N, C-alpha and C. Protein backbone atom coordinates (compact mmCIF):
# COMPACT_ATOMS: atom_id res chain seq x y z
N UNK A 1 179.80 -57.60 19.52
CA UNK A 1 179.35 -56.65 18.54
C UNK A 1 180.50 -55.70 18.22
N UNK A 2 180.82 -55.52 16.93
CA UNK A 2 181.92 -54.63 16.57
C UNK A 2 181.59 -53.17 16.90
N UNK A 3 182.60 -52.44 17.29
CA UNK A 3 182.43 -51.02 17.59
C UNK A 3 182.60 -50.21 16.32
N UNK A 4 181.76 -49.20 16.12
CA UNK A 4 181.90 -48.37 14.92
C UNK A 4 183.17 -47.52 15.00
N UNK A 5 183.75 -47.29 13.84
CA UNK A 5 184.93 -46.44 13.75
C UNK A 5 184.45 -44.98 13.78
N UNK A 6 184.83 -44.19 14.79
CA UNK A 6 184.34 -42.81 14.87
C UNK A 6 184.83 -41.93 13.73
N UNK A 7 185.87 -42.35 13.02
CA UNK A 7 186.39 -41.57 11.91
C UNK A 7 185.79 -41.97 10.57
N UNK A 8 184.94 -42.98 10.57
CA UNK A 8 184.34 -43.47 9.33
C UNK A 8 183.22 -42.54 8.87
N UNK A 9 183.13 -42.37 7.58
CA UNK A 9 182.06 -41.57 6.99
C UNK A 9 180.97 -42.47 6.40
N UNK A 10 181.07 -43.75 6.70
CA UNK A 10 180.11 -44.73 6.19
C UNK A 10 178.72 -44.38 6.68
N UNK A 11 177.77 -44.38 5.75
CA UNK A 11 176.39 -44.09 6.11
C UNK A 11 175.74 -45.36 6.66
N UNK A 12 175.03 -45.21 7.75
CA UNK A 12 174.35 -46.34 8.37
C UNK A 12 172.84 -46.13 8.29
N UNK A 13 172.13 -47.21 8.13
CA UNK A 13 170.67 -47.15 8.14
C UNK A 13 170.17 -47.38 9.55
N UNK A 14 169.20 -46.60 9.94
CA UNK A 14 168.60 -46.73 11.27
C UNK A 14 167.63 -47.89 11.27
N UNK A 15 167.79 -48.77 12.23
CA UNK A 15 166.91 -49.93 12.39
C UNK A 15 166.24 -49.81 13.76
N UNK A 16 164.97 -49.37 13.80
CA UNK A 16 164.32 -49.16 15.09
C UNK A 16 164.19 -50.44 15.92
N UNK A 17 164.01 -51.57 15.28
CA UNK A 17 163.92 -52.85 16.02
C UNK A 17 165.24 -53.16 16.70
N UNK A 18 166.33 -52.98 15.98
CA UNK A 18 167.65 -53.24 16.56
C UNK A 18 167.92 -52.27 17.73
N UNK A 19 167.57 -51.01 17.53
CA UNK A 19 167.77 -50.01 18.59
C UNK A 19 166.99 -50.40 19.84
N UNK A 20 165.78 -50.85 19.65
CA UNK A 20 164.95 -51.26 20.80
C UNK A 20 165.61 -52.41 21.54
N UNK A 21 166.06 -53.44 20.83
CA UNK A 21 166.65 -54.61 21.49
C UNK A 21 168.02 -54.31 22.09
N UNK A 22 168.74 -53.35 21.52
CA UNK A 22 170.00 -52.93 22.14
C UNK A 22 169.71 -52.23 23.47
N UNK A 23 168.63 -51.47 23.52
CA UNK A 23 168.21 -50.84 24.78
C UNK A 23 167.84 -51.91 25.80
N UNK A 24 167.09 -52.90 25.37
CA UNK A 24 166.71 -54.01 26.27
C UNK A 24 167.96 -54.70 26.80
N UNK A 25 168.90 -55.00 25.91
CA UNK A 25 170.14 -55.67 26.33
C UNK A 25 170.93 -54.81 27.32
N UNK A 26 170.99 -53.50 27.07
CA UNK A 26 171.73 -52.62 27.96
C UNK A 26 171.12 -52.65 29.36
N UNK A 27 169.80 -52.54 29.45
CA UNK A 27 169.13 -52.56 30.74
C UNK A 27 169.34 -53.91 31.43
N UNK A 28 169.26 -54.98 30.66
CA UNK A 28 169.42 -56.33 31.19
C UNK A 28 170.84 -56.57 31.69
N UNK A 29 171.83 -56.27 30.88
CA UNK A 29 173.24 -56.54 31.22
C UNK A 29 173.72 -55.69 32.38
N UNK A 30 173.32 -54.44 32.40
CA UNK A 30 173.80 -53.51 33.44
C UNK A 30 172.87 -53.45 34.65
N UNK A 31 171.84 -54.29 34.63
CA UNK A 31 170.89 -54.37 35.74
C UNK A 31 170.33 -53.00 36.11
N UNK A 32 169.96 -52.24 35.09
CA UNK A 32 169.36 -50.93 35.31
C UNK A 32 167.89 -51.10 35.70
N UNK A 33 167.34 -50.16 36.42
CA UNK A 33 165.91 -50.27 36.75
C UNK A 33 165.08 -50.10 35.48
N UNK A 34 163.95 -50.80 35.42
CA UNK A 34 163.09 -50.69 34.24
C UNK A 34 162.61 -49.26 34.05
N UNK A 35 162.49 -48.51 35.14
CA UNK A 35 162.05 -47.12 35.05
C UNK A 35 163.08 -46.22 34.38
N UNK A 36 164.26 -46.75 34.11
CA UNK A 36 165.31 -45.98 33.44
C UNK A 36 164.79 -45.33 32.16
N UNK A 37 163.91 -46.05 31.44
CA UNK A 37 163.39 -45.52 30.17
C UNK A 37 162.47 -44.33 30.38
N UNK A 38 162.04 -44.10 31.60
CA UNK A 38 161.15 -42.98 31.88
C UNK A 38 161.88 -41.76 32.43
N UNK A 39 163.18 -41.88 32.67
CA UNK A 39 163.95 -40.73 33.16
C UNK A 39 164.00 -39.65 32.07
N UNK A 40 163.71 -38.44 32.47
CA UNK A 40 163.71 -37.36 31.49
C UNK A 40 165.08 -37.19 30.83
N UNK A 41 166.15 -37.30 31.60
CA UNK A 41 167.50 -37.16 31.03
C UNK A 41 167.77 -38.20 29.96
N UNK A 42 167.33 -39.45 30.20
CA UNK A 42 167.51 -40.50 29.21
C UNK A 42 166.71 -40.18 27.94
N UNK A 43 165.47 -39.77 28.12
CA UNK A 43 164.63 -39.46 26.95
C UNK A 43 165.20 -38.29 26.15
N UNK A 44 165.71 -37.28 26.84
CA UNK A 44 166.30 -36.14 26.13
C UNK A 44 167.55 -36.58 25.36
N UNK A 45 168.36 -37.42 25.99
CA UNK A 45 169.57 -37.93 25.35
C UNK A 45 169.21 -38.73 24.09
N UNK A 46 168.27 -39.64 24.22
CA UNK A 46 167.86 -40.45 23.07
C UNK A 46 167.31 -39.56 21.96
N UNK A 47 166.48 -38.60 22.33
CA UNK A 47 165.92 -37.70 21.33
C UNK A 47 167.01 -36.92 20.61
N UNK A 48 168.06 -36.54 21.33
CA UNK A 48 169.16 -35.79 20.69
C UNK A 48 169.90 -36.66 19.68
N UNK A 49 169.93 -37.98 19.92
CA UNK A 49 170.59 -38.89 18.99
C UNK A 49 169.70 -39.22 17.80
N UNK A 50 168.42 -39.47 18.09
CA UNK A 50 167.49 -39.83 17.03
C UNK A 50 166.07 -39.50 17.47
N UNK A 51 165.53 -38.40 16.97
CA UNK A 51 164.19 -37.98 17.38
C UNK A 51 163.09 -38.97 16.99
N UNK A 52 163.37 -39.88 16.08
CA UNK A 52 162.34 -40.82 15.66
C UNK A 52 162.27 -42.08 16.53
N UNK A 53 163.26 -42.26 17.43
CA UNK A 53 163.24 -43.44 18.30
C UNK A 53 162.10 -43.33 19.30
N UNK A 54 161.27 -44.37 19.34
CA UNK A 54 160.14 -44.38 20.26
C UNK A 54 160.54 -45.12 21.52
N UNK A 55 160.73 -44.37 22.59
CA UNK A 55 161.07 -44.97 23.88
C UNK A 55 159.79 -45.60 24.43
N UNK A 56 159.88 -46.86 24.82
CA UNK A 56 158.72 -47.57 25.32
C UNK A 56 158.61 -47.42 26.83
N UNK A 57 157.53 -47.92 27.38
CA UNK A 57 157.29 -47.81 28.82
C UNK A 57 158.14 -48.81 29.59
N UNK A 58 158.21 -48.60 30.90
CA UNK A 58 158.95 -49.54 31.75
C UNK A 58 158.29 -50.91 31.76
N UNK A 59 156.98 -50.96 31.55
CA UNK A 59 156.28 -52.25 31.50
C UNK A 59 156.73 -53.04 30.27
N UNK A 60 156.83 -52.38 29.14
CA UNK A 60 157.28 -53.04 27.91
C UNK A 60 158.71 -53.51 28.04
N UNK A 61 159.57 -52.66 28.61
CA UNK A 61 160.98 -53.04 28.80
C UNK A 61 161.07 -54.24 29.74
N UNK A 62 160.27 -54.25 30.79
CA UNK A 62 160.26 -55.36 31.73
C UNK A 62 159.91 -56.67 31.02
N UNK A 63 158.86 -56.64 30.23
CA UNK A 63 158.43 -57.84 29.49
C UNK A 63 159.54 -58.29 28.54
N UNK A 64 160.15 -57.35 27.82
CA UNK A 64 161.21 -57.70 26.87
C UNK A 64 162.45 -58.23 27.58
N UNK A 65 162.78 -57.69 28.76
CA UNK A 65 163.92 -58.20 29.52
C UNK A 65 163.64 -59.62 30.00
N UNK A 66 162.41 -59.89 30.40
CA UNK A 66 162.06 -61.24 30.80
C UNK A 66 162.15 -62.21 29.62
N UNK A 67 161.72 -61.75 28.45
CA UNK A 67 161.85 -62.59 27.24
C UNK A 67 163.32 -62.89 26.97
N UNK A 68 164.17 -61.87 27.08
CA UNK A 68 165.60 -62.04 26.85
C UNK A 68 166.19 -62.99 27.88
N UNK A 69 165.77 -62.86 29.13
CA UNK A 69 166.25 -63.74 30.19
C UNK A 69 165.91 -65.20 29.88
N UNK A 70 164.66 -65.45 29.52
CA UNK A 70 164.24 -66.83 29.22
C UNK A 70 164.96 -67.37 27.99
N UNK A 71 165.17 -66.50 27.01
CA UNK A 71 165.91 -66.91 25.81
C UNK A 71 167.35 -67.28 26.16
N UNK A 72 167.98 -66.46 26.98
CA UNK A 72 169.38 -66.73 27.38
C UNK A 72 169.47 -68.00 28.24
N UNK A 73 168.49 -68.19 29.09
CA UNK A 73 168.48 -69.36 29.96
C UNK A 73 168.33 -70.64 29.14
N UNK A 74 167.51 -70.61 28.10
CA UNK A 74 167.32 -71.79 27.24
C UNK A 74 168.59 -72.10 26.45
N UNK A 75 169.33 -71.09 26.09
CA UNK A 75 170.55 -71.28 25.29
C UNK A 75 171.76 -71.64 26.13
N UNK A 76 171.62 -71.56 27.44
CA UNK A 76 172.76 -71.84 28.33
C UNK A 76 172.82 -73.27 28.61
């Protein structure tokens, strides 16, 4: 995935679905605990970036990580 240029003034559209799956990928790749999404510090950080992002429960993240795992396993 290309990294954004911090000096760019290009306007980007917020895609909540993409943001959700990037969160799932981050938890999956870095082997973070599913409860990470319930940490107050994480929620405050996310809210500071985008107050409209809906942080899901650890149960939802767990299910989505399992889906990603099975998808990756099938493609391997």
